[in-house]
Amino acid sequence: HGFEAQTERFQRDILSHQYEEVKEIYLNMRGWRHDYHNHLQVMKAHLDMGEYRELSDYIRRLDEELTSIGKFIETGNLALDAILNGKIAMAREKKIEVNVKVVLPPKLPVADYELCVLLGNLLDNAIEGCESQQEGEKRFLRIYVGLFREQLYVSVSNSHDTRMKKEGGRYRSTKSESRGFGILSIDSIVYRCHGYVNRKSDESIFVTEVMLPF
């Protein structure tokens, strides 16, 4: 019971931390919308003055800024959107190339809250894996969520540098306690849902696959 209470507390902390990250991103987006009018005024002024090179530079800088913000993921599940967009923005800030595809079925085999904790932990671990890489190495994160053989299939892959140690059937990082606890949290959700988790690793990529039956 002690471990379960600790797990629940940990999951609540993770979730509130993730919502703080997301709130920060939405505030940034609101700031961008607020600036939109000012950007138009500056471009109009350059155009009126015939300052085409300055206008071109300004547009290029705005384009770079927009690209760095990236496209928002909309899955139709607000809680999941919050977690995904928060983590993806965090990954991109750490110069991690992100590739994501999420196609949710109308009904989920797991509570929203548990799916958020599951994905939150998977993505935290993946981002940490990318951060273990040496400078100059290509960092990437791939996220896929969809239906596979009438089950909800979740796959998260990331580049990494640290060799993962497999102990007692579980991959453990020598670096992070929170990752180890995050793995236990993932495993307990999968176990409660009578699902399946598979982890595989080579020298440059780490993959976690989760299957949750309906």
Protein backbone atom coordinates (compact mmCIF):
# COMPACT_ATOMS: atom_id res chain seq x y z
CA HIS A 1 0.00 0.00 0.00
CA GLY A 2 2.90 2.34 0.83
CA PHE A 3 4.34 1.93 -2.66
CA GLU A 4 0.93 2.50 -4.31
CA ALA A 5 0.39 5.71 -2.30
CA GLN A 6 3.89 6.85 -3.24
CA THR A 7 3.20 6.06 -6.91
CA GLU A 8 -0.06 8.02 -6.84
CA ARG A 9 1.65 10.98 -5.19
CA PHE A 10 4.44 10.83 -7.76
CA GLN A 11 1.92 10.67 -10.65
CA ARG A 12 0.00 13.67 -9.26
CA ASP A 13 3.26 15.65 -8.98
CA ILE A 14 4.21 14.72 -12.56
CA LEU A 15 0.79 15.77 -13.85
CA SER A 16 0.74 19.14 -12.06
CA HIS A 17 4.30 19.78 -13.31
CA GLN A 18 3.21 18.99 -16.88
CA TYR A 19 0.24 21.36 -16.67
CA GLU A 20 2.60 24.14 -15.49
CA GLU A 21 4.77 23.54 -18.58
CA VAL A 22 1.69 23.65 -20.82
CA LYS A 23 0.36 26.82 -19.21
CA GLU A 24 3.69 28.49 -19.98
CA ILE A 25 3.42 27.49 -23.66
CA TYR A 26 -0.17 28.74 -24.01
CA LEU A 27 0.87 32.07 -22.44
CA ASN A 28 3.67 32.32 -25.01
CA MET A 29 1.17 31.62 -27.80
CA ARG A 30 -1.14 34.32 -26.47
CA GLY A 31 1.80 36.73 -26.43
CA TRP A 32 2.50 35.90 -30.07
CA ARG A 33 -1.12 36.70 -31.03
CA HIS A 34 -0.85 39.98 -29.14
CA ASP A 35 2.28 40.86 -31.17
CA TYR A 36 0.65 39.95 -34.50
CA HIS A 37 -0.74 43.46 -35.10
CA ASN A 38 2.63 45.07 -34.31
CA HIS A 39 4.42 42.77 -36.76
CA LEU A 40 1.97 43.77 -39.51
CA GLN A 41 2.54 47.47 -38.74
CA VAL A 42 6.34 47.07 -39.01
CA MET A 43 6.04 45.19 -42.34
CA LYS A 44 3.61 47.77 -43.71
CA ALA A 45 6.02 50.58 -42.76
CA HIS A 46 8.95 48.87 -44.54
CA LEU A 47 6.72 48.36 -47.60
CA ASP A 48 5.56 52.01 -47.64
CA MET A 49 9.17 53.20 -47.44
CA GLY A 50 10.28 50.83 -50.21
CA GLU A 51 12.65 49.09 -47.77
CA TYR A 52 12.40 45.69 -49.40
CA ARG A 53 15.62 44.21 -47.98
CA GLU A 54 14.57 45.17 -44.43
CA LEU A 55 11.09 43.75 -45.10
CA SER A 56 12.61 40.51 -46.40
CA ASP A 57 14.86 40.19 -43.30
CA TYR A 58 11.91 40.85 -41.01
CA ILE A 59 9.76 38.20 -42.70
CA ARG A 60 12.65 35.69 -42.55
CA ARG A 61 13.09 36.27 -38.79
CA LEU A 62 9.34 35.86 -38.20
CA ASP A 63 9.35 32.68 -40.26
CA GLU A 64 12.19 31.24 -38.15
CA GLU A 65 10.32 32.14 -34.96
CA LEU A 66 7.12 30.48 -36.18
CA THR A 67 9.00 27.35 -37.25
CA SER A 68 10.57 27.09 -33.81
CA ILE A 69 7.11 27.32 -32.18
CA GLY A 70 6.07 24.34 -34.33
CA LYS A 71 2.63 23.00 -35.12
CA PHE A 72 0.23 22.15 -32.32
CA ILE A 73 -0.94 18.55 -32.02
CA GLU A 74 -4.71 18.13 -31.82
CA THR A 75 -5.83 14.62 -30.90
CA GLY A 76 -9.39 15.46 -29.83
CA ASN A 77 -8.42 14.72 -26.20
CA LEU A 78 -7.66 17.98 -24.37
CA ALA A 79 -5.67 16.46 -21.51
CA LEU A 80 -3.51 14.47 -23.92
CA ASP A 81 -3.05 17.53 -26.18
CA ALA A 82 -1.77 19.45 -23.16
CA ILE A 83 0.79 16.78 -22.25
CA LEU A 84 1.95 16.15 -25.83
CA ASN A 85 2.31 19.80 -26.80
CA GLY A 86 4.06 20.62 -23.54
CA LYS A 87 6.61 17.84 -23.90
CA ILE A 88 7.14 18.40 -27.65
CA ALA A 89 7.83 22.10 -27.08
CA MET A 90 10.27 21.19 -24.32
CA ALA A 91 12.02 18.68 -26.62
CA ARG A 92 12.33 21.20 -29.45
CA GLU A 93 13.85 23.74 -27.06
CA LYS A 94 16.53 21.13 -26.36
CA LYS A 95 17.26 20.87 -30.12
CA ILE A 96 15.54 17.48 -30.44
CA GLU A 97 13.92 16.73 -33.81
CA VAL A 98 10.38 15.53 -33.10
CA ASN A 99 8.22 13.34 -35.33
CA VAL A 100 4.70 12.64 -34.04
CA LYS A 101 1.57 10.86 -35.25
CA VAL A 102 -1.44 10.34 -32.99
CA VAL A 103 -4.74 8.83 -34.14
CA LEU A 104 -6.98 8.18 -31.15
CA PRO A 105 -9.98 5.84 -31.31
CA PRO A 106 -13.33 7.34 -30.15
CA LYS A 107 -13.16 5.29 -26.94
CA LEU A 108 -9.98 4.66 -24.95
CA PRO A 109 -9.12 1.45 -23.03
CA VAL A 110 -7.63 3.55 -20.22
CA ALA A 111 -8.64 6.65 -18.20
CA ASP A 112 -7.46 10.02 -19.61
CA TYR A 113 -5.49 10.58 -16.42
CA GLU A 114 -3.60 7.28 -16.75
CA LEU A 115 -2.86 7.80 -20.44
CA CYS A 116 -1.43 11.26 -19.60
CA VAL A 117 0.77 9.83 -16.83
CA LEU A 118 1.90 7.02 -19.17
CA LEU A 119 2.83 9.34 -22.04
CA GLY A 120 4.24 12.00 -19.71
CA ASN A 121 6.66 9.47 -18.21
CA LEU A 122 7.55 7.96 -21.59
CA LEU A 123 8.36 11.40 -23.03
CA ASP A 124 10.29 12.58 -19.95
CA ASN A 125 12.46 9.45 -20.18
CA ALA A 126 12.92 9.87 -23.94
CA ILE A 127 13.95 13.54 -23.60
CA GLU A 128 16.40 12.59 -20.86
CA GLY A 129 17.79 9.89 -23.16
CA CYS A 130 18.36 12.49 -25.90
CA GLU A 131 20.08 14.79 -23.41
CA SER A 132 22.61 12.04 -22.65
CA GLN A 133 24.06 12.48 -26.15
CA GLN A 134 27.31 14.25 -26.86
CA GLU A 135 27.17 17.73 -28.37
CA GLY A 136 26.83 17.65 -32.15
CA GLU A 137 25.10 14.26 -32.24
CA LYS A 138 21.67 14.24 -33.90
CA ARG A 139 18.88 14.09 -31.32
CA PHE A 140 15.47 12.75 -32.28
CA LEU A 141 12.20 11.68 -30.68
CA ARG A 142 9.44 9.71 -32.45
CA ILE A 143 5.96 9.34 -31.02
CA TYR A 144 3.23 7.14 -32.44
CA VAL A 145 -0.18 6.44 -30.90
CA GLY A 146 -2.89 4.52 -32.77
CA LEU A 147 -4.91 1.33 -33.11
CA PHE A 148 -3.06 -1.92 -33.77
CA ARG A 149 -4.75 -5.35 -33.69
CA GLU A 150 -7.74 -3.84 -31.87
CA GLN A 151 -5.51 -2.52 -29.09
CA LEU A 152 -4.23 0.97 -28.29
CA TYR A 153 -0.61 0.99 -29.43
CA VAL A 154 1.88 3.55 -28.09
CA SER A 155 5.46 3.72 -29.36
CA VAL A 156 8.11 6.21 -28.22
CA SER A 157 11.63 6.08 -29.74
CA ASN A 158 14.55 8.30 -28.91
CA SER A 159 18.22 8.65 -29.72
CA HIS A 160 20.56 8.17 -26.76
CA ASP A 161 24.20 7.87 -25.81
CA THR A 162 24.08 6.24 -22.39
CA ARG A 163 24.21 2.44 -22.50
CA MET A 164 21.07 1.19 -20.76
CA LYS A 165 21.47 -1.65 -18.28
CA LYS A 166 18.85 -4.36 -18.21
CA GLU A 167 18.30 -5.58 -14.66
CA GLY A 168 15.61 -8.04 -13.64
CA GLY A 169 13.73 -7.54 -16.92
CA ARG A 170 13.74 -3.75 -16.54
CA TYR A 171 15.93 -1.21 -18.27
CA ARG A 172 17.51 1.11 -15.74
CA SER A 173 19.53 4.23 -16.31
CA THR A 174 22.63 4.59 -14.17
CA LYS A 175 21.98 8.33 -14.32
CA SER A 176 18.48 9.05 -13.07
CA GLU A 177 16.34 7.99 -10.15
CA SER A 178 13.25 9.69 -11.62
CA ARG A 179 13.61 7.67 -14.81
CA GLY A 180 13.67 4.44 -12.80
CA PHE A 181 10.57 5.51 -10.91
CA GLY A 182 8.93 6.65 -14.15
CA ILE A 183 9.50 3.18 -15.59
CA LEU A 184 7.84 1.59 -12.54
CA SER A 185 4.91 4.00 -12.97
CA ILE A 186 4.52 3.03 -16.65
CA ASP A 187 4.72 -0.68 -15.79
CA SER A 188 2.09 -0.41 -13.02
CA ILE A 189 -0.42 1.30 -15.39
CA VAL A 190 0.20 -1.34 -18.10
CA TYR A 191 -0.20 -4.13 -15.52
CA ARG A 192 -3.48 -2.69 -14.19
CA CYS A 193 -4.82 -2.48 -17.76
CA HIS A 194 -3.73 -6.08 -18.54
CA GLY A 195 -1.50 -4.66 -21.26
CA TYR A 196 1.98 -5.36 -22.57
CA VAL A 197 5.18 -3.31 -22.57
CA ASN A 198 8.29 -4.00 -24.63
CA ARG A 199 11.59 -2.11 -24.39
CA LYS A 200 14.45 -2.50 -26.82
CA SER A 201 17.72 -0.67 -27.20
CA ASP A 202 20.82 -0.58 -29.33
CA GLU A 203 23.80 1.77 -29.24
CA SER A 204 21.94 4.74 -30.70
CA ILE A 205 18.17 4.25 -30.23
CA PHE A 206 15.85 3.29 -27.39
CA VAL A 207 12.25 2.16 -28.08
CA THR A 208 9.34 1.57 -25.71
CA GLU A 209 6.16 -0.03 -27.07
CA VAL A 210 2.96 -0.30 -25.04
CA MET A 211 -0.17 -2.26 -26.02
CA LEU A 212 -3.41 -1.70 -24.06
CA PRO A 213 -6.38 -4.01 -24.80
CA PHE A 214 -9.98 -2.75 -24.88
